[in-house]
Amino acid sequence: MLGGLGKLAAEGLAHRTEKATGEAVHAVEDVVKEVVEHAKEAGEKAIAEAFKKAQETGDKVVKEVTESVTHTVTNAVTHAAEGLGKLGQ
């Protein structure tokens, strides 16, 4: 009879161990999913910030180039007009 009780106790312990292991695995899966989600959000935010900075930098470069070209063209036209004015005198 004691042998049967020992076997029954061992089976009960094995069942509880299996159940606890399954619960632990499920808990770890939930944590991993949450960590992955946070990492994904952080990565998306970092990419969005990088694109924003790149856009701002691009806008600044375009503005500077436009101003430089405008200045150069204005100077060229002014010098040409002055040269034509001197020819007409």
PDB file of N, CA and C in Angstrom:
ATOM      1  N   MET A   1       0.807  -1.183   0.000  1.00  0.00           N
ATOM      2  CA  MET A   1       0.000   0.000   0.000  1.00  0.00           C
ATOM      3  C   MET A   1       0.853   1.252   0.000  1.00  0.00           C
ATOM      4  N   LEU A   2       1.939   1.250   0.755  1.00  0.00           N
ATOM      5  CA  LEU A   2       2.804   2.414   0.786  1.00  0.00           C
ATOM      6  C   LEU A   2       3.450   2.655  -0.571  1.00  0.00           C
ATOM      7  N   GLY A   3       3.748   1.607  -1.307  1.00  0.00           N
ATOM      8  CA  GLY A   3       4.315   1.744  -2.643  1.00  0.00           C
ATOM      9  C   GLY A   3       3.338   2.456  -3.563  1.00  0.00           C
ATOM     10  N   GLY A   4       2.042   2.131  -3.437  1.00  0.00           N
ATOM     11  CA  GLY A   4       1.020   2.782  -4.250  1.00  0.00           C
ATOM     12  C   GLY A   4       0.879   4.249  -3.883  1.00  0.00           C
ATOM     13  N   LEU A   5       0.985   4.549  -2.585  1.00  0.00           N
ATOM     14  CA  LEU A   5       0.895   5.948  -2.148  1.00  0.00           C
ATOM     15  C   LEU A   5       2.093   6.753  -2.644  1.00  0.00           C
ATOM     16  N   GLY A   6       3.257   6.125  -2.615  1.00  0.00           N
ATOM     17  CA  GLY A   6       4.473   6.798  -3.104  1.00  0.00           C
ATOM     18  C   GLY A   6       4.368   7.109  -4.581  1.00  0.00           C
ATOM     19  N   LYS A   7       3.830   6.129  -5.325  1.00  0.00           N
ATOM     20  CA  LYS A   7       3.668   6.315  -6.763  1.00  0.00           C
ATOM     21  C   LYS A   7       2.662   7.425  -7.020  1.00  0.00           C
ATOM     22  N   LEU A   8       1.565   7.428  -6.263  1.00  0.00           N
ATOM     23  CA  LEU A   8       0.535   8.453  -6.412  1.00  0.00           C
ATOM     24  C   LEU A   8       1.106   9.832  -6.068  1.00  0.00           C
ATOM     25  N   ALA A   9       1.908   9.904  -5.015  1.00  0.00           N
ATOM     26  CA  ALA A   9       2.524  11.174  -4.617  1.00  0.00           C
ATOM     27  C   ALA A   9       3.494  11.653  -5.695  1.00  0.00           C
ATOM     28  N   ALA A  10       4.261  10.748  -6.253  1.00  0.00           N
ATOM     29  CA  ALA A  10       5.216  11.105  -7.304  1.00  0.00           C
ATOM     30  C   ALA A  10       4.480  11.619  -8.537  1.00  0.00           C
ATOM     31  N   GLU A  11       3.374  10.962  -8.893  1.00  0.00           N
ATOM     32  CA  GLU A  11       2.584  11.411 -10.044  1.00  0.00           C
ATOM     33  C   GLU A  11       1.984  12.797  -9.783  1.00  0.00           C
ATOM     34  N   GLY A  12       1.516  13.013  -8.564  1.00  0.00           N
ATOM     35  CA  GLY A  12       0.969  14.328  -8.202  1.00  0.00           C
ATOM     36  C   GLY A  12       2.038  15.406  -8.271  1.00  0.00           C
ATOM     37  N   LEU A  13       3.219  15.072  -7.757  1.00  0.00           N
ATOM     38  CA  LEU A  13       4.322  16.026  -7.791  1.00  0.00           C
ATOM     39  C   LEU A  13       4.725  16.316  -9.241  1.00  0.00           C
ATOM     40  N   ALA A  14       4.774  15.292 -10.057  1.00  0.00           N
ATOM     41  CA  ALA A  14       5.132  15.472 -11.459  1.00  0.00           C
ATOM     42  C   ALA A  14       4.098  16.351 -12.164  1.00  0.00           C
ATOM     43  N   HIS A  15       2.832  16.128 -11.867  1.00  0.00           N
ATOM     44  CA  HIS A  15       1.767  16.932 -12.486  1.00  0.00           C
ATOM     45  C   HIS A  15       1.887  18.397 -12.062  1.00  0.00           C
ATOM     46  N   ARG A  16       2.089  18.618 -10.760  1.00  0.00           N
ATOM     47  CA  ARG A  16       2.225  20.003 -10.273  1.00  0.00           C
ATOM     48  C   ARG A  16       3.461  20.668 -10.865  1.00  0.00           C
ATOM     49  N   THR A  17       4.548  19.913 -10.986  1.00  0.00           N
ATOM     50  CA  THR A  17       5.782  20.450 -11.569  1.00  0.00           C
ATOM     51  C   THR A  17       5.560  20.821 -13.031  1.00  0.00           C
ATOM     52  N   GLU A  18       4.880  19.931 -13.757  1.00  0.00           N
ATOM     53  CA  GLU A  18       4.588  20.199 -15.171  1.00  0.00           C
ATOM     54  C   GLU A  18       3.714  21.441 -15.317  1.00  0.00           C
ATOM     55  N   LYS A  19       2.698  21.555 -14.452  1.00  0.00           N
ATOM     56  CA  LYS A  19       1.802  22.699 -14.498  1.00  0.00           C
ATOM     57  C   LYS A  19       2.563  23.995 -14.174  1.00  0.00           C
ATOM     58  N   ALA A  20       3.406  23.963 -13.154  1.00  0.00           N
ATOM     59  CA  ALA A  20       4.189  25.138 -12.757  1.00  0.00           C
ATOM     60  C   ALA A  20       5.163  25.531 -13.866  1.00  0.00           C
ATOM     61  N   THR A  21       5.765  24.527 -14.501  1.00  0.00           N
ATOM     62  CA  THR A  21       6.698  24.806 -15.596  1.00  0.00           C
ATOM     63  C   THR A  21       5.965  25.472 -16.755  1.00  0.00           C
ATOM     64  N   GLY A  22       4.791  24.963 -17.080  1.00  0.00           N
ATOM     65  CA  GLY A  22       3.984  25.561 -18.152  1.00  0.00           C
ATOM     66  C   GLY A  22       3.614  26.998 -17.834  1.00  0.00           C
ATOM     67  N   GLU A  23       3.257  27.256 -16.585  1.00  0.00           N
ATOM     68  CA  GLU A  23       2.914  28.623 -16.178  1.00  0.00           C
ATOM     69  C   GLU A  23       4.136  29.535 -16.253  1.00  0.00           C
ATOM     70  N   ALA A  24       5.285  29.015 -15.860  1.00  0.00           N
ATOM     71  CA  ALA A  24       6.512  29.806 -15.918  1.00  0.00           C
ATOM     72  C   ALA A  24       6.873  30.135 -17.366  1.00  0.00           C
ATOM     73  N   VAL A  25       6.731  29.140 -18.235  1.00  0.00           N
ATOM     74  CA  VAL A  25       7.011  29.366 -19.658  1.00  0.00           C
ATOM     75  C   VAL A  25       6.069  30.423 -20.210  1.00  0.00           C
ATOM     76  N   HIS A  26       4.807  30.358 -19.857  1.00  0.00           N
ATOM     77  CA  HIS A  26       3.822  31.340 -20.317  1.00  0.00           C
ATOM     78  C   HIS A  26       4.188  32.739 -19.814  1.00  0.00           C
ATOM     79  N   ALA A  27       4.598  32.838 -18.564  1.00  0.00           N
ATOM     80  CA  ALA A  27       4.985  34.133 -17.989  1.00  0.00           C
ATOM     81  C   ALA A  27       6.203  34.702 -18.717  1.00  0.00           C
ATOM     82  N   VAL A  28       7.183  33.840 -19.001  1.00  0.00           N
ATOM     83  CA  VAL A  28       8.373  34.290 -19.725  1.00  0.00           C
ATOM     84  C   VAL A  28       7.998  34.739 -21.134  1.00  0.00           C
ATOM     85  N   GLU A  29       7.108  34.016 -21.796  1.00  0.00           N
ATOM     86  CA  GLU A  29       6.653  34.407 -23.133  1.00  0.00           C
ATOM     87  C   GLU A  29       6.011  35.787 -23.100  1.00  0.00           C
ATOM     88  N   ASP A  30       5.194  36.042 -22.080  1.00  0.00           N
ATOM     89  CA  ASP A  30       4.549  37.349 -21.954  1.00  0.00           C
ATOM     90  C   ASP A  30       5.580  38.458 -21.768  1.00  0.00           C
ATOM     91  N   VAL A  31       6.583  38.203 -20.941  1.00  0.00           N
ATOM     92  CA  VAL A  31       7.630  39.204 -20.706  1.00  0.00           C
ATOM     93  C   VAL A  31       8.406  39.455 -21.995  1.00  0.00           C
ATOM     94  N   VAL A  32       8.754  38.390 -22.704  1.00  0.00           N
ATOM     95  CA  VAL A  32       9.502  38.536 -23.956  1.00  0.00           C
ATOM     96  C   VAL A  32       8.683  39.340 -24.963  1.00  0.00           C
ATOM     97  N   LYS A  33       7.396  39.040 -25.072  1.00  0.00           N
ATOM     98  CA  LYS A  33       6.535  39.788 -25.994  1.00  0.00           C
ATOM     99  C   LYS A  33       6.523  41.271 -25.631  1.00  0.00           C
ATOM    100  N   GLU A  34       6.433  41.565 -24.349  1.00  0.00           N
ATOM    101  CA  GLU A  34       6.401  42.963 -23.911  1.00  0.00           C
ATOM    102  C   GLU A  34       7.731  43.657 -24.209  1.00  0.00           C
ATOM    103  N   VAL A  35       8.841  42.976 -23.946  1.00  0.00           N
ATOM    104  CA  VAL A  35      10.155  43.555 -24.218  1.00  0.00           C
ATOM    105  C   VAL A  35      10.322  43.811 -25.707  1.00  0.00           C
ATOM    106  N   VAL A  36       9.907  42.859 -26.536  1.00  0.00           N
ATOM    107  CA  VAL A  36      10.010  43.015 -27.987  1.00  0.00           C
ATOM    108  C   VAL A  36       9.150  44.191 -28.454  1.00  0.00           C
ATOM    109  N   GLU A  37       7.958  44.321 -27.904  1.00  0.00           N
ATOM    110  CA  GLU A  37       7.071  45.427 -28.276  1.00  0.00           C
ATOM    111  C   GLU A  37       7.703  46.765 -27.903  1.00  0.00           C
ATOM    112  N   HIS A  38       8.264  46.847 -26.703  1.00  0.00           N
ATOM    113  CA  HIS A  38       8.921  48.093 -26.291  1.00  0.00           C
ATOM    114  C   HIS A  38      10.119  48.407 -27.190  1.00  0.00           C
ATOM    115  N   ALA A  39      10.892  47.389 -27.529  1.00  0.00           N
ATOM    116  CA  ALA A  39      12.045  47.590 -28.408  1.00  0.00           C
ATOM    117  C   ALA A  39      11.588  48.060 -29.780  1.00  0.00           C
ATOM    118  N   LYS A  40      10.501  47.475 -30.264  1.00  0.00           N
ATOM    119  CA  LYS A  40       9.964  47.874 -31.563  1.00  0.00           C
ATOM    120  C   LYS A  40       9.526  49.339 -31.524  1.00  0.00           C
ATOM    121  N   GLU A  41       8.817  49.732 -30.472  1.00  0.00           N
ATOM    122  CA  GLU A  41       8.366  51.117 -30.341  1.00  0.00           C
ATOM    123  C   GLU A  41       9.551  52.067 -30.256  1.00  0.00           C
ATOM    124  N   ALA A  42      10.557  51.684 -29.490  1.00  0.00           N
ATOM    125  CA  ALA A  42      11.747  52.532 -29.348  1.00  0.00           C
ATOM    126  C   ALA A  42      12.467  52.668 -30.687  1.00  0.00           C
ATOM    127  N   GLY A  43      12.568  51.567 -31.421  1.00  0.00           N
ATOM    128  CA  GLY A  43      13.200  51.601 -32.738  1.00  0.00           C
ATOM    129  C   GLY A  43      12.437  52.470 -33.710  1.00  0.00           C
ATOM    130  N   GLU A  44      11.102  52.344 -33.701  1.00  0.00           N
ATOM    131  CA  GLU A  44      10.275  53.164 -34.584  1.00  0.00           C
ATOM    132  C   GLU A  44      10.427  54.643 -34.240  1.00  0.00           C
ATOM    133  N   LYS A  45      10.489  54.943 -32.949  1.00  0.00           N
ATOM    134  CA  LYS A  45      10.647  56.334 -32.515  1.00  0.00           C
ATOM    135  C   LYS A  45      12.013  56.867 -32.960  1.00  0.00           C
ATOM    136  N   ALA A  46      13.039  56.053 -32.802  1.00  0.00           N
ATOM    137  CA  ALA A  46      14.393  56.478 -33.201  1.00  0.00           C
ATOM    138  C   ALA A  46      14.460  56.733 -34.702  1.00  0.00           C
ATOM    139  N   ILE A  47      13.827  55.865 -35.481  1.00  0.00           N
ATOM    140  CA  ILE A  47      13.818  56.036 -36.931  1.00  0.00           C
ATOM    141  C   ILE A  47      13.055  57.306 -37.307  1.00  0.00           C
ATOM    142  N   ALA A  48      11.914  57.532 -36.669  1.00  0.00           N
ATOM    143  CA  ALA A  48      11.129  58.739 -36.946  1.00  0.00           C
ATOM    144  C   ALA A  48      11.933  59.993 -36.616  1.00  0.00           C
ATOM    145  N   GLU A  49      12.639  59.978 -35.486  1.00  0.00           N
ATOM    146  CA  GLU A  49      13.463  61.127 -35.109  1.00  0.00           C
ATOM    147  C   GLU A  49      14.596  61.342 -36.120  1.00  0.00           C
ATOM    148  N   ALA A  50      15.208  60.253 -36.571  1.00  0.00           N
ATOM    149  CA  ALA A  50      16.295  60.368 -37.547  1.00  0.00           C
ATOM    150  C   ALA A  50      15.779  60.956 -38.854  1.00  0.00           C
ATOM    151  N   PHE A  51      14.607  60.491 -39.305  1.00  0.00           N
ATOM    152  CA  PHE A  51      14.021  61.044 -40.529  1.00  0.00           C
ATOM    153  C   PHE A  51      13.687  62.522 -40.350  1.00  0.00           C
ATOM    154  N   LYS A  52      13.164  62.865 -39.181  1.00  0.00           N
ATOM    155  CA  LYS A  52      12.810  64.260 -38.910  1.00  0.00           C
ATOM    156  C   LYS A  52      14.056  65.135 -38.967  1.00  0.00           C
ATOM    157  N   LYS A  53      15.133  64.685 -38.323  1.00  0.00           N
ATOM    158  CA  LYS A  53      16.376  65.459 -38.332  1.00  0.00           C
ATOM    159  C   LYS A  53      16.949  65.553 -39.749  1.00  0.00           C
ATOM    160  N   ALA A  54      16.862  64.465 -40.490  1.00  0.00           N
ATOM    161  CA  ALA A  54      17.355  64.478 -41.866  1.00  0.00           C
ATOM    162  C   ALA A  54      16.544  65.462 -42.708  1.00  0.00           C
ATOM    163  N   GLN A  55      15.234  65.474 -42.500  1.00  0.00           N
ATOM    164  CA  GLN A  55      14.373  66.402 -43.237  1.00  0.00           C
ATOM    165  C   GLN A  55      14.715  67.844 -42.878  1.00  0.00           C
ATOM    166  N   GLU A  56      14.893  68.097 -41.569  1.00  0.00           N
ATOM    167  CA  GLU A  56      15.241  69.452 -41.129  1.00  0.00           C
ATOM    168  C   GLU A  56      16.586  69.875 -41.718  1.00  0.00           C
ATOM    169  N   THR A  57      17.542  68.957 -41.719  1.00  0.00           N
ATOM    170  CA  THR A  57      18.857  69.253 -42.285  1.00  0.00           C
ATOM    171  C   THR A  57      18.737  69.509 -43.779  1.00  0.00           C
ATOM    172  N   GLY A  58      17.955  68.676 -44.455  1.00  0.00           N
ATOM    173  CA  GLY A  58      17.736  68.863 -45.896  1.00  0.00           C
ATOM    174  C   GLY A  58      17.082  70.199 -46.182  1.00  0.00           C
ATOM    175  N   ASP A  59      16.086  70.568 -45.389  1.00  0.00           N
ATOM    176  CA  ASP A  59      15.415  71.859 -45.568  1.00  0.00           C
ATOM    177  C   ASP A  59      16.394  73.007 -45.368  1.00  0.00           C
ATOM    178  N   LYS A  60      17.263  72.872 -44.364  1.00  0.00           N
ATOM    179  CA  LYS A  60      18.252  73.918 -44.087  1.00  0.00           C
ATOM    180  C   LYS A  60      19.231  74.041 -45.253  1.00  0.00           C
ATOM    181  N   VAL A  61      19.680  72.901 -45.776  1.00  0.00           N
ATOM    182  CA  VAL A  61      20.620  72.915 -46.902  1.00  0.00           C
ATOM    183  C   VAL A  61      19.965  73.544 -48.119  1.00  0.00           C
ATOM    184  N   VAL A  62      18.723  73.174 -48.392  1.00  0.00           N
ATOM    185  CA  VAL A  62      18.009  73.743 -49.545  1.00  0.00           C
ATOM    186  C   VAL A  62      17.890  75.254 -49.389  1.00  0.00           C
ATOM    187  N   LYS A  63      17.554  75.711 -48.176  1.00  0.00           N
ATOM    188  CA  LYS A  63      17.429  77.148 -47.919  1.00  0.00           C
ATOM    189  C   LYS A  63      18.764  77.853 -48.147  1.00  0.00           C
ATOM    190  N   GLU A  64      19.843  77.271 -47.607  1.00  0.00           N
ATOM    191  CA  GLU A  64      21.160  77.882 -47.762  1.00  0.00           C
ATOM    192  C   GLU A  64      21.594  77.927 -49.229  1.00  0.00           C
ATOM    193  N   VAL A  65      21.357  76.844 -49.949  1.00  0.00           N
ATOM    194  CA  VAL A  65      21.736  76.804 -51.370  1.00  0.00           C
ATOM    195  C   VAL A  65      20.908  77.816 -52.149  1.00  0.00           C
ATOM    196  N   THR A  66      19.610  77.878 -51.848  1.00  0.00           N
ATOM    197  CA  THR A  66      18.745  78.838 -52.537  1.00  0.00           C
ATOM    198  C   THR A  66      19.215  80.261 -52.283  1.00  0.00           C
ATOM    199  N   GLU A  67      19.533  80.561 -51.034  1.00  0.00           N
ATOM    200  CA  GLU A  67      20.030  81.907 -50.700  1.00  0.00           C
ATOM    201  C   GLU A  67      21.351  82.199 -51.408  1.00  0.00           C
ATOM    202  N   SER A  68      22.236  81.222 -51.460  1.00  0.00           N
ATOM    203  CA  SER A  68      23.525  81.402 -52.108  1.00  0.00           C
ATOM    204  C   SER A  68      23.355  81.632 -53.606  1.00  0.00           C
ATOM    205  N   VAL A  69      22.513  80.833 -54.235  1.00  0.00           N
ATOM    206  CA  VAL A  69      22.271  80.990 -55.675  1.00  0.00           C
ATOM    207  C   VAL A  69      21.629  82.346 -55.952  1.00  0.00           C
ATOM    208  N   THR A  70      20.643  82.716 -55.122  1.00  0.00           N
ATOM    209  CA  THR A  70      19.979  84.010 -55.295  1.00  0.00           C
ATOM    210  C   THR A  70      20.984  85.148 -55.166  1.00  0.00           C
ATOM    211  N   HIS A  71      21.846  85.054 -54.167  1.00  0.00           N
ATOM    212  CA  HIS A  71      22.866  86.084 -53.955  1.00  0.00           C
ATOM    213  C   HIS A  71      23.819  86.153 -55.153  1.00  0.00           C
ATOM    214  N   THR A  72      24.276  85.003 -55.622  1.00  0.00           N
ATOM    215  CA  THR A  72      25.210  84.949 -56.747  1.00  0.00           C
ATOM    216  C   THR A  72      24.585  85.517 -58.014  1.00  0.00           C
ATOM    217  N   VAL A  73      23.350  85.100 -58.285  1.00  0.00           N
ATOM    218  CA  VAL A  73      22.656  85.591 -59.479  1.00  0.00           C
ATOM    219  C   VAL A  73      22.409  87.095 -59.366  1.00  0.00           C
ATOM    220  N   THR A  74      22.009  87.547 -58.196  1.00  0.00           N
ATOM    221  CA  THR A  74      21.767  88.982 -57.990  1.00  0.00           C
ATOM    222  C   THR A  74      23.050  89.775 -58.223  1.00  0.00           C
ATOM    223  N   ASN A  75      24.148  89.282 -57.680  1.00  0.00           N
ATOM    224  CA  ASN A  75      25.434  89.966 -57.893  1.00  0.00           C
ATOM    225  C   ASN A  75      25.812  89.978 -59.374  1.00  0.00           C
ATOM    226  N   ALA A  76      25.613  88.865 -60.049  1.00  0.00           N
ATOM    227  CA  ALA A  76      25.960  88.791 -61.471  1.00  0.00           C
ATOM    228  C   ALA A  76      25.115  89.764 -62.282  1.00  0.00           C
ATOM    229  N   VAL A  77      23.836  89.808 -61.991  1.00  0.00           N
ATOM    230  CA  VAL A  77      22.948  90.718 -62.719  1.00  0.00           C
ATOM    231  C   VAL A  77      23.321  92.168 -62.409  1.00  0.00           C
ATOM    232  N   THR A  78      23.619  92.447 -61.168  1.00  0.00           N
ATOM    233  CA  THR A  78      24.011  93.816 -60.769  1.00  0.00           C
ATOM    234  C   THR A  78      25.285  94.240 -61.485  1.00  0.00           C
ATOM    235  N   HIS A  79      26.281  93.359 -61.503  1.00  0.00           N
ATOM    236  CA  HIS A  79      27.541  93.692 -62.196  1.00  0.00           C
ATOM    237  C   HIS A  79      27.319  93.844 -63.690  1.00  0.00           C
ATOM    238  N   ALA A  80      26.469  92.993 -64.255  1.00  0.00           N
ATOM    239  CA  ALA A  80      26.188  93.110 -65.692  1.00  0.00           C
ATOM    240  C   ALA A  80      25.500  94.430 -65.987  1.00  0.00           C
ATOM    241  N   ALA A  81      24.542  94.801 -65.132  1.00  0.00           N
ATOM    242  CA  ALA A  81      23.822  96.068 -65.331  1.00  0.00           C
ATOM    243  C   ALA A  81      24.778  97.249 -65.179  1.00  0.00           C
ATOM    244  N   GLU A  82      25.678  97.174 -64.216  1.00  0.00           N
ATOM    245  CA  GLU A  82      26.661  98.251 -64.027  1.00  0.00           C
ATOM    246  C   GLU A  82      27.588  98.342 -65.241  1.00  0.00           C
ATOM    247  N   GLY A  83      27.979  97.150 -65.754  1.00  0.00           N
ATOM    248  CA  GLY A  83      28.843  97.134 -66.944  1.00  0.00           C
ATOM    249  C   GLY A  83      28.136  97.728 -68.152  1.00  0.00           C
ATOM    250  N   LEU A  84      26.872  97.404 -68.308  1.00  0.00           N
ATOM    251  CA  LEU A  84      26.109  97.967 -69.418  1.00  0.00           C
ATOM    252  C   LEU A  84      25.912  99.469 -69.227  1.00  0.00           C
ATOM    253  N   GLY A  85      25.742  99.872 -67.984  1.00  0.00           N
ATOM    254  CA  GLY A  85      25.589 101.298 -67.703  1.00  0.00           C
ATOM    255  C   GLY A  85      26.842 102.059 -68.064  1.00  0.00           C
ATOM    256  N   LYS A  86      28.002 101.470 -67.785  1.00  0.00           N
ATOM    257  CA  LYS A  86      29.279 102.130 -68.107  1.00  0.00           C
ATOM    258  C   LYS A  86      29.479 102.197 -69.624  1.00  0.00           C
ATOM    259  N   LEU A  87      29.024 101.163 -70.324  1.00  0.00           N
ATOM    260  CA  LEU A  87      29.155 101.171 -71.798  1.00  0.00           C
ATOM    261  C   LEU A  87      28.296 102.258 -72.403  1.00  0.00           C
ATOM    262  N   GLY A  88      27.169 102.539 -71.794  1.00  0.00           N
ATOM    263  CA  GLY A  88      26.235 103.521 -72.340  1.00  0.00           C
ATOM    264  C   GLY A  88      26.668 104.947 -72.060  1.00  0.00           C
ATOM    265  N   GLN A  89      27.656 105.169 -71.262  1.00  0.00           N
ATOM    266  CA  GLN A  89      28.040 106.537 -70.900  1.00  0.00           C
ATOM    267  C   GLN A  89      28.920 107.172 -71.926  1.00  0.00           C
TER     268      GLN A  89
END
